[in-house]
Amino acid sequence: MNQEIDITFVRHGRSRADDEGVHEGRYDSPLTDIGRAQARMRGHDFLDREVGFDLVISSSLQRARETAEIIAQMFDVSVIVDPDWMEMDNGPLAGMPHDVAAQRYPVPAHRNPYEAFHGTGESNWEIYSRAARALERVVRRGPGRYLVVAHGGILNDALRTITGAPPLANGQGLAFQFGDTGYARCVYTPARHLWTFVAFNPG
């Protein structure tokens, strides 16, 4: 009997915030038509590769949720929403144009991983711990094939917990490049506590 837990982590498609030139984070921006097309293309790619899913788990932010729903419909599976897969709380930067943010909130010379992002957002340890908690809930579902649709920051921290890497400190550490609908696929064997990276596509 197969006891493996097969998890594919996908970043959402292009959002309106990308066209607006603003910071995302908790800014709840919808997908663009391009983003919806990207989601359908990624779903067809999975179908062509015969990568199946029993359940889709999504961030509660609409750009991820809509991506999840498009792919889930193609596989005729349900979507459940878990707010712990939301992107990092970036405090005052959410929805702010990049040039304005650079003036009002310049990148500090040093920010330790325990420090809140610009005073009101999450620290690196907070998002890292949240990613570990969200991932644990997926693993506790037991054997199956799961698709997690979320955001670049939280997905990076989920993969860091898998690899044993610590959270970023002052912008330094292990990072994974997730573009629009980029994905990583991992298989976990609980009896051996073995994580295997099966595929990575930056999108």
C-alpha atoms as a PDB file:
ATOM      1  CA  MET A   1       0.000   0.000   0.000  1.00  0.00           C
ATOM      2  CA  ASN A   2       1.369   3.429  -1.002  1.00  0.00           C
ATOM      3  CA  GLN A   3       1.873   5.558   2.113  1.00  0.00           C
ATOM      4  CA  GLU A   4       3.496   8.478   0.313  1.00  0.00           C
ATOM      5  CA  ILE A   5       2.289  12.064   0.593  1.00  0.00           C
ATOM      6  CA  ASP A   6       2.690  13.791  -2.770  1.00  0.00           C
ATOM      7  CA  ILE A   7       2.554  17.597  -2.536  1.00  0.00           C
ATOM      8  CA  THR A   8       2.802  20.051  -5.415  1.00  0.00           C
ATOM      9  CA  PHE A   9       3.315  23.687  -4.390  1.00  0.00           C
ATOM     10  CA  VAL A  10       2.182  26.265  -6.986  1.00  0.00           C
ATOM     11  CA  ARG A  11       2.439  30.035  -6.967  1.00  0.00           C
ATOM     12  CA  HIS A  12      -0.605  31.889  -8.302  1.00  0.00           C
ATOM     13  CA  GLY A  13      -0.810  33.382 -11.791  1.00  0.00           C
ATOM     14  CA  ARG A  14      -0.254  37.003 -12.751  1.00  0.00           C
ATOM     15  CA  SER A  15      -2.297  39.395 -10.650  1.00  0.00           C
ATOM     16  CA  ARG A  16      -3.595  42.914 -11.173  1.00  0.00           C
ATOM     17  CA  ALA A  17      -0.995  44.169  -8.667  1.00  0.00           C
ATOM     18  CA  ASP A  18       1.721  43.166 -11.147  1.00  0.00           C
ATOM     19  CA  ASP A  19       0.157  45.481 -13.736  1.00  0.00           C
ATOM     20  CA  GLU A  20      -0.376  48.221 -11.150  1.00  0.00           C
ATOM     21  CA  GLY A  21       3.270  48.109 -10.081  1.00  0.00           C
ATOM     22  CA  VAL A  22       2.454  47.820  -6.379  1.00  0.00           C
ATOM     23  CA  HIS A  23       3.593  45.596  -3.538  1.00  0.00           C
ATOM     24  CA  GLU A  24       1.374  42.573  -2.979  1.00  0.00           C
ATOM     25  CA  GLY A  25       1.786  40.753   0.321  1.00  0.00           C
ATOM     26  CA  ARG A  26      -1.648  40.992   1.939  1.00  0.00           C
ATOM     27  CA  TYR A  27      -2.957  43.321  -0.801  1.00  0.00           C
ATOM     28  CA  ASP A  28      -5.846  41.204  -2.092  1.00  0.00           C
ATOM     29  CA  SER A  29      -5.390  41.594  -5.831  1.00  0.00           C
ATOM     30  CA  PRO A  30      -7.339  39.423  -8.320  1.00  0.00           C
ATOM     31  CA  LEU A  31      -5.885  37.554 -11.270  1.00  0.00           C
ATOM     32  CA  THR A  32      -5.631  39.215 -14.645  1.00  0.00           C
ATOM     33  CA  ASP A  33      -6.830  37.513 -17.829  1.00  0.00           C
ATOM     34  CA  ILE A  34      -3.185  36.541 -18.378  1.00  0.00           C
ATOM     35  CA  GLY A  35      -3.087  35.022 -14.897  1.00  0.00           C
ATOM     36  CA  ARG A  36      -6.202  32.963 -15.607  1.00  0.00           C
ATOM     37  CA  ALA A  37      -4.683  31.733 -18.857  1.00  0.00           C
ATOM     38  CA  GLN A  38      -1.497  30.816 -16.990  1.00  0.00           C
ATOM     39  CA  ALA A  39      -3.523  28.806 -14.473  1.00  0.00           C
ATOM     40  CA  ARG A  40      -5.254  26.887 -17.262  1.00  0.00           C
ATOM     41  CA  MET A  41      -1.926  26.243 -18.975  1.00  0.00           C
ATOM     42  CA  ARG A  42      -0.426  24.924 -15.745  1.00  0.00           C
ATOM     43  CA  GLY A  43      -3.430  22.671 -15.254  1.00  0.00           C
ATOM     44  CA  HIS A  44      -3.040  21.278 -18.784  1.00  0.00           C
ATOM     45  CA  ASP A  45       0.663  20.783 -18.112  1.00  0.00           C
ATOM     46  CA  PHE A  46      -0.143  18.690 -15.047  1.00  0.00           C
ATOM     47  CA  LEU A  47      -2.704  16.693 -17.021  1.00  0.00           C
ATOM     48  CA  ASP A  48      -0.186  16.060 -19.796  1.00  0.00           C
ATOM     49  CA  ARG A  49       2.375  14.886 -17.228  1.00  0.00           C
ATOM     50  CA  GLU A  50      -0.286  12.715 -15.533  1.00  0.00           C
ATOM     51  CA  VAL A  51       0.208  14.515 -12.225  1.00  0.00           C
ATOM     52  CA  GLY A  52      -3.090  13.973 -10.421  1.00  0.00           C
ATOM     53  CA  PHE A  53      -4.567  15.524  -7.279  1.00  0.00           C
ATOM     54  CA  ASP A  54      -7.022  14.321  -4.654  1.00  0.00           C
ATOM     55  CA  LEU A  55      -7.472  17.741  -3.066  1.00  0.00           C
ATOM     56  CA  VAL A  56      -6.467  21.363  -3.672  1.00  0.00           C
ATOM     57  CA  ILE A  57      -5.527  23.576  -0.715  1.00  0.00           C
ATOM     58  CA  SER A  58      -5.440  27.328  -1.266  1.00  0.00           C
ATOM     59  CA  SER A  59      -4.449  30.566   0.371  1.00  0.00           C
ATOM     60  CA  SER A  60      -7.470  32.717   1.180  1.00  0.00           C
ATOM     61  CA  LEU A  61      -6.201  35.612  -0.965  1.00  0.00           C
ATOM     62  CA  GLN A  62      -8.161  35.786  -4.213  1.00  0.00           C
ATOM     63  CA  ARG A  63      -5.231  35.589  -6.653  1.00  0.00           C
ATOM     64  CA  ALA A  64      -4.311  32.194  -5.204  1.00  0.00           C
ATOM     65  CA  ARG A  65      -7.878  31.045  -4.638  1.00  0.00           C
ATOM     66  CA  GLU A  66      -8.863  31.733  -8.231  1.00  0.00           C
ATOM     67  CA  THR A  67      -5.774  29.923  -9.536  1.00  0.00           C
ATOM     68  CA  ALA A  68      -6.667  26.970  -7.295  1.00  0.00           C
ATOM     69  CA  GLU A  69     -10.277  26.890  -8.471  1.00  0.00           C
ATOM     70  CA  ILE A  70      -9.301  26.922 -12.154  1.00  0.00           C
ATOM     71  CA  ILE A  71      -6.938  23.972 -11.748  1.00  0.00           C
ATOM     72  CA  ALA A  72      -9.230  22.075  -9.359  1.00  0.00           C
ATOM     73  CA  GLN A  73     -12.082  22.253 -11.869  1.00  0.00           C
ATOM     74  CA  MET A  74      -9.860  20.661 -14.495  1.00  0.00           C
ATOM     75  CA  PHE A  75      -9.218  17.726 -12.142  1.00  0.00           C
ATOM     76  CA  ASP A  76     -12.762  17.617 -10.734  1.00  0.00           C
ATOM     77  CA  VAL A  77     -11.535  17.894  -7.141  1.00  0.00           C
ATOM     78  CA  SER A  78     -12.489  20.119  -4.205  1.00  0.00           C
ATOM     79  CA  VAL A  79     -10.721  23.243  -2.966  1.00  0.00           C
ATOM     80  CA  ILE A  80     -10.309  23.989   0.715  1.00  0.00           C
ATOM     81  CA  VAL A  81      -9.035  27.350   1.937  1.00  0.00           C
ATOM     82  CA  ASP A  82      -6.388  27.636   4.646  1.00  0.00           C
ATOM     83  CA  PRO A  83      -5.503  31.232   5.663  1.00  0.00           C
ATOM     84  CA  ASP A  84      -2.102  30.066   6.921  1.00  0.00           C
ATOM     85  CA  TRP A  85      -1.024  29.819   3.279  1.00  0.00           C
ATOM     86  CA  MET A  86      -1.497  33.592   2.822  1.00  0.00           C
ATOM     87  CA  GLU A  87       1.482  35.654   1.736  1.00  0.00           C
ATOM     88  CA  MET A  88       3.700  37.427   4.258  1.00  0.00           C
ATOM     89  CA  ASP A  89       2.064  40.312   6.080  1.00  0.00           C
ATOM     90  CA  ASN A  90       4.090  43.170   4.612  1.00  0.00           C
ATOM     91  CA  GLY A  91       2.530  45.817   6.832  1.00  0.00           C
ATOM     92  CA  PRO A  92       2.269  49.309   5.310  1.00  0.00           C
ATOM     93  CA  LEU A  93       3.682  48.188   1.941  1.00  0.00           C
ATOM     94  CA  ALA A  94       0.550  46.267   0.913  1.00  0.00           C
ATOM     95  CA  GLY A  95      -0.862  47.898  -2.216  1.00  0.00           C
ATOM     96  CA  MET A  96       1.741  50.686  -2.210  1.00  0.00           C
ATOM     97  CA  PRO A  97       3.518  51.613  -5.469  1.00  0.00           C
ATOM     98  CA  HIS A  98       7.125  50.424  -5.501  1.00  0.00           C
ATOM     99  CA  ASP A  99       8.581  53.901  -6.019  1.00  0.00           C
ATOM    100  CA  VAL A 100       6.543  55.382  -3.153  1.00  0.00           C
ATOM    101  CA  ALA A 101       7.499  52.518  -0.862  1.00  0.00           C
ATOM    102  CA  ALA A 102      11.179  52.986  -1.682  1.00  0.00           C
ATOM    103  CA  GLN A 103      10.956  56.592  -0.496  1.00  0.00           C
ATOM    104  CA  ARG A 104       8.764  56.115   2.571  1.00  0.00           C
ATOM    105  CA  TYR A 105      10.131  52.773   3.723  1.00  0.00           C
ATOM    106  CA  PRO A 106      13.700  52.338   2.469  1.00  0.00           C
ATOM    107  CA  VAL A 107      15.267  48.918   2.991  1.00  0.00           C
ATOM    108  CA  PRO A 108      17.092  49.015   6.333  1.00  0.00           C
ATOM    109  CA  ALA A 109      20.801  48.277   6.486  1.00  0.00           C
ATOM    110  CA  HIS A 110      20.015  45.300   8.720  1.00  0.00           C
ATOM    111  CA  ARG A 111      16.831  43.502   9.806  1.00  0.00           C
ATOM    112  CA  ASN A 112      17.116  40.460  12.011  1.00  0.00           C
ATOM    113  CA  PRO A 113      14.645  37.561  11.528  1.00  0.00           C
ATOM    114  CA  TYR A 114      12.804  38.367  14.786  1.00  0.00           C
ATOM    115  CA  GLU A 115      12.008  41.937  13.735  1.00  0.00           C
ATOM    116  CA  ALA A 116       8.550  42.862  12.419  1.00  0.00           C
ATOM    117  CA  PHE A 117       8.547  43.911   8.772  1.00  0.00           C
ATOM    118  CA  HIS A 118       8.419  47.725   8.793  1.00  0.00           C
ATOM    119  CA  GLY A 119       7.027  47.743  12.303  1.00  0.00           C
ATOM    120  CA  THR A 120       3.585  46.196  11.751  1.00  0.00           C
ATOM    121  CA  GLY A 121       4.156  43.243   9.407  1.00  0.00           C
ATOM    122  CA  GLU A 122       5.390  39.739  10.143  1.00  0.00           C
ATOM    123  CA  SER A 123       8.905  38.849  11.121  1.00  0.00           C
ATOM    124  CA  ASN A 124      10.753  36.212   9.111  1.00  0.00           C
ATOM    125  CA  TRP A 125      10.347  33.795  11.988  1.00  0.00           C
ATOM    126  CA  GLU A 126       6.585  34.409  12.073  1.00  0.00           C
ATOM    127  CA  ILE A 127       6.025  33.522   8.421  1.00  0.00           C
ATOM    128  CA  TYR A 128       8.463  30.600   8.707  1.00  0.00           C
ATOM    129  CA  SER A 129       6.534  29.213  11.702  1.00  0.00           C
ATOM    130  CA  ARG A 130       3.226  29.744   9.920  1.00  0.00           C
ATOM    131  CA  ALA A 131       4.526  27.852   6.879  1.00  0.00           C
ATOM    132  CA  ALA A 132       5.623  24.958   9.092  1.00  0.00           C
ATOM    133  CA  ARG A 133       2.175  24.855  10.711  1.00  0.00           C
ATOM    134  CA  ALA A 134       0.385  24.916   7.341  1.00  0.00           C
ATOM    135  CA  LEU A 135       2.636  22.195   5.936  1.00  0.00           C
ATOM    136  CA  GLU A 136       2.099  20.025   9.004  1.00  0.00           C
ATOM    137  CA  ARG A 137      -1.663  20.159   8.448  1.00  0.00           C
ATOM    138  CA  VAL A 138      -1.196  18.902   4.885  1.00  0.00           C
ATOM    139  CA  VAL A 139       1.047  16.048   6.046  1.00  0.00           C
ATOM    140  CA  ARG A 140      -1.413  15.066   8.783  1.00  0.00           C
ATOM    141  CA  ARG A 141      -4.034  14.432   6.113  1.00  0.00           C
ATOM    142  CA  GLY A 142      -2.087  11.279   5.358  1.00  0.00           C
ATOM    143  CA  PRO A 143      -1.287   9.561   2.076  1.00  0.00           C
ATOM    144  CA  GLY A 144      -2.594  11.313  -0.988  1.00  0.00           C
ATOM    145  CA  ARG A 145      -1.853  13.759  -3.767  1.00  0.00           C
ATOM    146  CA  TYR A 146      -2.220  17.385  -2.755  1.00  0.00           C
ATOM    147  CA  LEU A 147      -1.930  20.662  -4.630  1.00  0.00           C
ATOM    148  CA  VAL A 148      -1.131  23.736  -2.523  1.00  0.00           C
ATOM    149  CA  VAL A 149      -1.695  27.066  -4.274  1.00  0.00           C
ATOM    150  CA  ALA A 150      -0.169  30.035  -2.514  1.00  0.00           C
ATOM    151  CA  HIS A 151       2.488  32.747  -2.857  1.00  0.00           C
ATOM    152  CA  GLY A 152       6.225  33.007  -3.407  1.00  0.00           C
ATOM    153  CA  GLY A 153       7.143  34.055   0.124  1.00  0.00           C
ATOM    154  CA  ILE A 154       5.139  31.481   2.071  1.00  0.00           C
ATOM    155  CA  LEU A 155       6.066  28.718  -0.394  1.00  0.00           C
ATOM    156  CA  ASN A 156       9.736  29.559   0.058  1.00  0.00           C
ATOM    157  CA  ASP A 157       9.392  29.185   3.798  1.00  0.00           C
ATOM    158  CA  ALA A 158       7.516  25.890   3.445  1.00  0.00           C
ATOM    159  CA  LEU A 159      10.393  24.545   1.344  1.00  0.00           C
ATOM    160  CA  ARG A 160      12.911  25.889   3.849  1.00  0.00           C
ATOM    161  CA  THR A 161      11.218  23.921   6.609  1.00  0.00           C
ATOM    162  CA  ILE A 162      11.407  20.801   4.423  1.00  0.00           C
ATOM    163  CA  THR A 163      15.100  21.261   3.672  1.00  0.00           C
ATOM    164  CA  GLY A 164      15.980  22.239   7.231  1.00  0.00           C
ATOM    165  CA  ALA A 165      17.114  25.716   6.180  1.00  0.00           C
ATOM    166  CA  PRO A 166      16.430  28.576   8.617  1.00  0.00           C
ATOM    167  CA  PRO A 167      14.326  31.614   7.687  1.00  0.00           C
ATOM    168  CA  LEU A 168      15.985  34.402   5.748  1.00  0.00           C
ATOM    169  CA  ALA A 169      18.082  36.773   7.835  1.00  0.00           C
ATOM    170  CA  ASN A 170      18.710  40.229   6.385  1.00  0.00           C
ATOM    171  CA  GLY A 171      17.868  38.930   2.914  1.00  0.00           C
ATOM    172  CA  GLN A 172      20.385  36.114   3.103  1.00  0.00           C
ATOM    173  CA  GLY A 173      19.841  32.366   2.996  1.00  0.00           C
ATOM    174  CA  LEU A 174      18.255  29.704   0.793  1.00  0.00           C
ATOM    175  CA  ALA A 175      15.713  30.972  -1.760  1.00  0.00           C
ATOM    176  CA  PHE A 176      13.544  29.350  -4.450  1.00  0.00           C
ATOM    177  CA  GLN A 177      12.474  31.352  -7.504  1.00  0.00           C
ATOM    178  CA  PHE A 178       8.713  31.109  -8.085  1.00  0.00           C
ATOM    179  CA  GLY A 179       7.419  33.025 -11.098  1.00  0.00           C
ATOM    180  CA  ASP A 180       3.801  33.008 -12.273  1.00  0.00           C
ATOM    181  CA  THR A 181       2.423  29.457 -11.720  1.00  0.00           C
ATOM    182  CA  GLY A 182       5.918  28.200 -10.930  1.00  0.00           C
ATOM    183  CA  TYR A 183       5.850  25.008  -8.905  1.00  0.00           C
ATOM    184  CA  ALA A 184       7.783  22.510  -6.821  1.00  0.00           C
ATOM    185  CA  ARG A 185       6.710  18.903  -6.340  1.00  0.00           C
ATOM    186  CA  CYS A 186       7.825  16.911  -3.301  1.00  0.00           C
ATOM    187  CA  VAL A 187       7.039  13.429  -2.028  1.00  0.00           C
ATOM    188  CA  TYR A 188       7.146  12.670   1.688  1.00  0.00           C
ATOM    189  CA  THR A 189       7.530   9.116   3.051  1.00  0.00           C
ATOM    190  CA  PRO A 190       6.439   9.324   6.710  1.00  0.00           C
ATOM    191  CA  ALA A 191       7.812   5.936   7.763  1.00  0.00           C
ATOM    192  CA  ARG A 192      11.312   7.081   6.780  1.00  0.00           C
ATOM    193  CA  HIS A 193      10.850  10.823   7.336  1.00  0.00           C
ATOM    194  CA  LEU A 194      12.173  11.222   3.805  1.00  0.00           C
ATOM    195  CA  TRP A 195      11.420  14.213   1.577  1.00  0.00           C
ATOM    196  CA  THR A 196      12.176  13.768  -2.126  1.00  0.00           C
ATOM    197  CA  PHE A 197      12.153  16.702  -4.545  1.00  0.00           C
ATOM    198  CA  VAL A 198      10.585  15.329  -7.729  1.00  0.00           C
ATOM    199  CA  ALA A 199      10.353  18.472  -9.848  1.00  0.00           C
ATOM    200  CA  PHE A 200      10.922  22.210  -9.813  1.00  0.00           C
ATOM    201  CA  ASN A 201       9.715  24.640 -12.463  1.00  0.00           C
ATOM    202  CA  PRO A 202      10.272  28.349 -11.734  1.00  0.00           C
ATOM    203  CA  GLY A 203       7.436  29.339 -14.074  1.00  0.00           C
END
